[in-house]
């Protein structure tokens, strides 16, 4: 397992730029610390919006989500408020 800490802003951040712990991870656990002041939006398309208006998953402060990965380029992250932190843990497949 490899862990990566990243900062999300109002500019789309693709998962593919965040360093994969192995070549074909099966899942990624995304955690937002309680110190964040706003939600991070996650979507498996590059049209992710800062307000969630195009759909996707909302990751409020203090929460986490497990995302399946068929391609490590599947997900994009964005947040409307300044710099929000997240930790990613890449999990290898069986």
N, C-alpha and C. Protein backbone atom coordinates (compact mmCIF):
# COMPACT_ATOMS: atom_id res chain seq x y z
N UNK A 1 0.84 -1.16 0.00
CA UNK A 1 0.00 0.00 0.00
C UNK A 1 0.90 1.24 0.00
N UNK A 2 0.48 2.22 -0.76
CA UNK A 2 1.20 3.48 -0.80
C UNK A 2 0.23 4.60 -0.44
N UNK A 3 0.70 5.56 0.38
CA UNK A 3 -0.13 6.70 0.76
C UNK A 3 0.44 7.97 0.14
N UNK A 4 -0.48 8.82 -0.30
CA UNK A 4 -0.12 10.09 -0.92
C UNK A 4 -1.01 11.16 -0.30
N UNK A 5 -0.42 12.30 0.05
CA UNK A 5 -1.18 13.44 0.53
C UNK A 5 -1.23 14.47 -0.59
N UNK A 6 -2.41 15.02 -0.85
CA UNK A 6 -2.57 15.98 -1.94
C UNK A 6 -3.44 17.14 -1.48
N UNK A 7 -3.29 18.26 -2.16
CA UNK A 7 -4.11 19.44 -1.91
C UNK A 7 -5.02 19.66 -3.11
N UNK A 8 -6.31 19.85 -2.84
CA UNK A 8 -7.31 20.04 -3.89
C UNK A 8 -7.74 21.50 -3.88
N UNK A 9 -7.81 22.11 -5.06
CA UNK A 9 -8.24 23.50 -5.20
C UNK A 9 -9.42 23.56 -6.17
N UNK A 10 -9.70 24.75 -6.69
CA UNK A 10 -10.79 24.92 -7.65
C UNK A 10 -10.38 24.52 -9.06
N UNK A 11 -9.18 24.01 -9.23
CA UNK A 11 -8.72 23.47 -10.51
C UNK A 11 -8.78 21.95 -10.43
N UNK A 12 -9.31 21.31 -11.45
CA UNK A 12 -9.44 19.85 -11.45
C UNK A 12 -8.09 19.18 -11.23
N UNK A 13 -8.08 18.20 -10.37
CA UNK A 13 -6.88 17.44 -10.05
C UNK A 13 -7.12 15.99 -10.45
N UNK A 14 -6.48 15.51 -11.53
CA UNK A 14 -6.70 14.12 -11.94
C UNK A 14 -5.93 13.14 -11.05
N UNK A 15 -6.55 12.02 -10.77
CA UNK A 15 -5.91 10.97 -9.97
C UNK A 15 -4.59 10.53 -10.59
N UNK A 16 -4.50 10.54 -11.90
CA UNK A 16 -3.30 10.04 -12.58
C UNK A 16 -2.06 10.86 -12.26
N UNK A 17 -2.20 12.07 -11.71
CA UNK A 17 -1.04 12.90 -11.38
C UNK A 17 -0.58 12.71 -9.94
N UNK A 18 -1.22 11.83 -9.19
CA UNK A 18 -0.95 11.73 -7.77
C UNK A 18 -0.07 10.55 -7.36
N UNK A 19 0.56 9.89 -8.28
CA UNK A 19 1.52 8.84 -7.94
C UNK A 19 0.88 7.55 -7.49
N UNK A 20 0.90 6.58 -8.34
CA UNK A 20 0.31 5.28 -8.05
C UNK A 20 1.33 4.41 -7.34
N UNK A 21 0.89 3.77 -6.25
CA UNK A 21 1.79 2.92 -5.47
C UNK A 21 2.18 1.64 -6.17
N UNK A 22 1.35 1.13 -7.03
CA UNK A 22 1.70 -0.01 -7.86
C UNK A 22 1.06 0.23 -9.22
N UNK A 23 1.42 -0.54 -10.20
CA UNK A 23 0.98 -0.23 -11.56
C UNK A 23 -0.50 -0.42 -11.78
N UNK A 24 -1.13 -1.33 -11.06
CA UNK A 24 -2.56 -1.59 -11.26
C UNK A 24 -3.30 -1.68 -9.93
N UNK A 25 -3.48 -0.57 -9.24
CA UNK A 25 -4.21 -0.66 -7.97
C UNK A 25 -5.66 -1.04 -8.23
N UNK A 26 -6.24 -1.79 -7.32
CA UNK A 26 -7.63 -2.21 -7.45
C UNK A 26 -8.58 -1.17 -6.87
N UNK A 27 -8.11 -0.47 -5.82
CA UNK A 27 -8.94 0.51 -5.13
C UNK A 27 -8.06 1.63 -4.61
N UNK A 28 -8.70 2.75 -4.33
CA UNK A 28 -8.03 3.84 -3.64
C UNK A 28 -8.98 4.32 -2.54
N UNK A 29 -8.43 4.46 -1.34
CA UNK A 29 -9.18 5.01 -0.21
C UNK A 29 -8.84 6.49 -0.17
N UNK A 30 -9.86 7.34 -0.21
CA UNK A 30 -9.68 8.79 -0.17
C UNK A 30 -10.23 9.29 1.15
N UNK A 31 -9.39 10.01 1.92
CA UNK A 31 -9.79 10.52 3.22
C UNK A 31 -9.63 12.04 3.25
N UNK A 32 -10.63 12.72 3.80
CA UNK A 32 -10.58 14.17 3.98
C UNK A 32 -10.44 14.44 5.48
N UNK A 33 -9.41 15.16 5.90
CA UNK A 33 -9.25 15.41 7.33
C UNK A 33 -10.35 16.32 7.89
N UNK A 34 -10.57 16.24 9.17
CA UNK A 34 -11.57 17.07 9.83
C UNK A 34 -11.21 18.54 9.79
N UNK A 35 -9.96 18.86 9.52
CA UNK A 35 -9.52 20.26 9.47
C UNK A 35 -9.88 20.96 8.16
N UNK A 36 -10.36 20.21 7.16
CA UNK A 36 -10.82 20.84 5.93
C UNK A 36 -12.01 21.74 6.25
N UNK A 37 -12.21 22.77 5.43
CA UNK A 37 -13.31 23.70 5.65
C UNK A 37 -14.44 23.55 4.63
N UNK A 38 -14.25 22.70 3.63
CA UNK A 38 -15.26 22.51 2.60
C UNK A 38 -15.14 21.10 2.02
N UNK A 39 -16.13 20.70 1.29
CA UNK A 39 -16.14 19.37 0.66
C UNK A 39 -15.23 19.31 -0.55
N UNK A 40 -14.78 18.12 -0.84
CA UNK A 40 -14.07 17.80 -2.08
C UNK A 40 -15.07 17.01 -2.93
N UNK A 41 -15.15 17.34 -4.20
CA UNK A 41 -16.02 16.60 -5.13
C UNK A 41 -15.17 15.68 -5.97
N UNK A 42 -15.66 14.45 -6.15
CA UNK A 42 -14.95 13.41 -6.90
C UNK A 42 -15.87 12.91 -8.00
N UNK A 43 -15.33 12.79 -9.18
CA UNK A 43 -16.13 12.27 -10.29
C UNK A 43 -15.22 11.50 -11.23
N UNK A 44 -15.77 10.51 -11.90
CA UNK A 44 -14.99 9.72 -12.85
C UNK A 44 -15.08 10.31 -14.26
N UNK A 45 -15.15 11.62 -14.33
CA UNK A 45 -15.13 12.33 -15.61
C UNK A 45 -14.53 13.71 -15.37
N UNK A 46 -13.97 14.28 -16.40
CA UNK A 46 -13.26 15.54 -16.24
C UNK A 46 -14.19 16.75 -16.13
N UNK A 47 -15.51 16.54 -16.14
CA UNK A 47 -16.41 17.67 -15.98
C UNK A 47 -16.86 17.86 -14.53
N UNK A 48 -16.07 17.38 -13.59
CA UNK A 48 -16.41 17.54 -12.18
C UNK A 48 -16.51 19.03 -11.86
N UNK A 49 -17.54 19.40 -11.09
CA UNK A 49 -17.79 20.82 -10.80
C UNK A 49 -17.60 21.10 -9.30
N UNK A 50 -17.17 22.32 -8.99
CA UNK A 50 -16.89 22.70 -7.60
C UNK A 50 -18.12 22.64 -6.70
N UNK A 51 -19.30 22.69 -7.27
CA UNK A 51 -20.53 22.65 -6.47
C UNK A 51 -21.28 21.32 -6.60
N UNK A 52 -20.70 20.36 -7.31
CA UNK A 52 -21.34 19.07 -7.49
C UNK A 52 -22.47 19.06 -8.48
N UNK A 53 -22.65 20.15 -9.22
CA UNK A 53 -23.79 20.26 -10.13
C UNK A 53 -23.76 19.27 -11.29
N UNK A 54 -22.60 18.70 -11.59
CA UNK A 54 -22.50 17.71 -12.67
C UNK A 54 -22.50 16.28 -12.12
N UNK A 55 -22.79 16.14 -10.83
CA UNK A 55 -22.82 14.82 -10.21
C UNK A 55 -21.48 14.46 -9.60
N UNK A 56 -21.38 13.25 -9.15
CA UNK A 56 -20.16 12.77 -8.52
C UNK A 56 -20.39 12.47 -7.05
N UNK A 57 -19.29 12.27 -6.33
CA UNK A 57 -19.32 11.94 -4.92
C UNK A 57 -18.84 13.13 -4.11
N UNK A 58 -19.58 13.48 -3.07
CA UNK A 58 -19.15 14.55 -2.17
C UNK A 58 -18.36 13.93 -1.03
N UNK A 59 -17.21 14.51 -0.73
CA UNK A 59 -16.37 14.06 0.37
C UNK A 59 -16.26 15.20 1.38
N UNK A 60 -17.17 15.25 2.37
CA UNK A 60 -17.14 16.31 3.37
C UNK A 60 -15.93 16.15 4.31
N UNK A 61 -15.56 17.21 5.02
CA UNK A 61 -14.46 17.10 5.99
C UNK A 61 -14.71 15.95 6.97
N UNK A 62 -13.65 15.19 7.26
CA UNK A 62 -13.73 14.09 8.22
C UNK A 62 -14.30 12.80 7.67
N UNK A 63 -14.50 12.71 6.37
CA UNK A 63 -15.08 11.49 5.80
C UNK A 63 -14.10 10.80 4.87
N UNK A 64 -14.50 9.61 4.42
CA UNK A 64 -13.67 8.86 3.48
C UNK A 64 -14.56 8.08 2.53
N UNK A 65 -13.94 7.63 1.44
CA UNK A 65 -14.64 6.84 0.44
C UNK A 65 -13.64 5.88 -0.19
N UNK A 66 -14.11 4.70 -0.56
CA UNK A 66 -13.28 3.73 -1.27
C UNK A 66 -13.75 3.71 -2.72
N UNK A 67 -12.83 3.98 -3.63
CA UNK A 67 -13.16 4.02 -5.06
C UNK A 67 -12.53 2.85 -5.78
N UNK A 68 -13.32 2.06 -6.54
CA UNK A 68 -12.74 1.01 -7.38
C UNK A 68 -12.02 1.66 -8.56
N UNK A 69 -10.96 1.03 -9.00
CA UNK A 69 -10.19 1.60 -10.11
C UNK A 69 -10.05 0.57 -11.22
N UNK A 70 -10.54 0.93 -12.40
CA UNK A 70 -10.27 0.10 -13.57
C UNK A 70 -9.13 0.72 -14.37
N UNK A 71 -8.96 2.01 -14.21
CA UNK A 71 -7.84 2.74 -14.79
C UNK A 71 -7.50 3.85 -13.81
N UNK A 72 -6.22 4.04 -13.49
CA UNK A 72 -5.89 5.05 -12.49
C UNK A 72 -6.16 6.46 -12.98
N UNK A 73 -6.60 6.61 -14.21
CA UNK A 73 -6.99 7.93 -14.72
C UNK A 73 -8.48 8.17 -14.59
N UNK A 74 -9.16 7.31 -13.86
CA UNK A 74 -10.62 7.36 -13.77
C UNK A 74 -11.20 8.56 -13.04
N UNK A 75 -10.53 9.12 -12.05
CA UNK A 75 -11.17 10.09 -11.16
C UNK A 75 -10.51 11.46 -11.19
N UNK A 76 -11.36 12.47 -10.94
CA UNK A 76 -10.92 13.86 -10.85
C UNK A 76 -11.45 14.44 -9.55
N UNK A 77 -10.69 15.35 -8.95
CA UNK A 77 -11.04 15.96 -7.67
C UNK A 77 -11.09 17.47 -7.83
N UNK A 78 -11.99 18.12 -7.07
CA UNK A 78 -12.08 19.58 -7.11
C UNK A 78 -12.75 20.06 -5.83
N UNK A 79 -12.47 21.30 -5.44
CA UNK A 79 -13.12 21.91 -4.29
C UNK A 79 -13.28 23.40 -4.53
N UNK A 80 -14.38 23.95 -4.06
CA UNK A 80 -14.66 25.37 -4.26
C UNK A 80 -13.85 26.25 -3.32
N UNK A 81 -13.49 25.73 -2.17
CA UNK A 81 -12.86 26.56 -1.14
C UNK A 81 -11.37 26.32 -1.01
N UNK A 82 -10.60 27.28 -1.44
CA UNK A 82 -9.16 27.28 -1.20
C UNK A 82 -8.49 25.95 -1.36
N UNK A 83 -7.66 25.63 -0.42
CA UNK A 83 -6.86 24.41 -0.46
C UNK A 83 -7.41 23.41 0.55
N UNK A 84 -7.99 22.33 0.06
CA UNK A 84 -8.51 21.26 0.90
C UNK A 84 -7.58 20.06 0.77
N UNK A 85 -7.29 19.42 1.87
CA UNK A 85 -6.36 18.30 1.86
C UNK A 85 -7.09 16.97 1.75
N UNK A 86 -6.38 15.99 1.21
CA UNK A 86 -6.89 14.63 1.19
C UNK A 86 -5.71 13.67 1.23
N UNK A 87 -5.96 12.50 1.75
CA UNK A 87 -4.96 11.44 1.76
C UNK A 87 -5.49 10.30 0.93
N UNK A 88 -4.64 9.77 0.06
CA UNK A 88 -5.01 8.64 -0.79
C UNK A 88 -4.19 7.43 -0.39
N UNK A 89 -4.84 6.29 -0.24
CA UNK A 89 -4.15 5.04 0.02
C UNK A 89 -4.49 4.08 -1.10
N UNK A 90 -3.47 3.72 -1.87
CA UNK A 90 -3.66 2.82 -3.01
C UNK A 90 -3.57 1.38 -2.54
N UNK A 91 -4.58 0.56 -2.88
CA UNK A 91 -4.62 -0.83 -2.48
C UNK A 91 -4.45 -1.73 -3.68
N UNK A 92 -3.53 -2.67 -3.60
CA UNK A 92 -3.28 -3.58 -4.71
C UNK A 92 -4.39 -4.59 -4.82
N UNK A 93 -4.58 -5.08 -6.04
CA UNK A 93 -5.56 -6.12 -6.30
C UNK A 93 -5.02 -7.47 -5.85
N UNK A 94 -5.88 -8.47 -5.89
CA UNK A 94 -5.48 -9.82 -5.46
C UNK A 94 -4.55 -10.46 -6.46
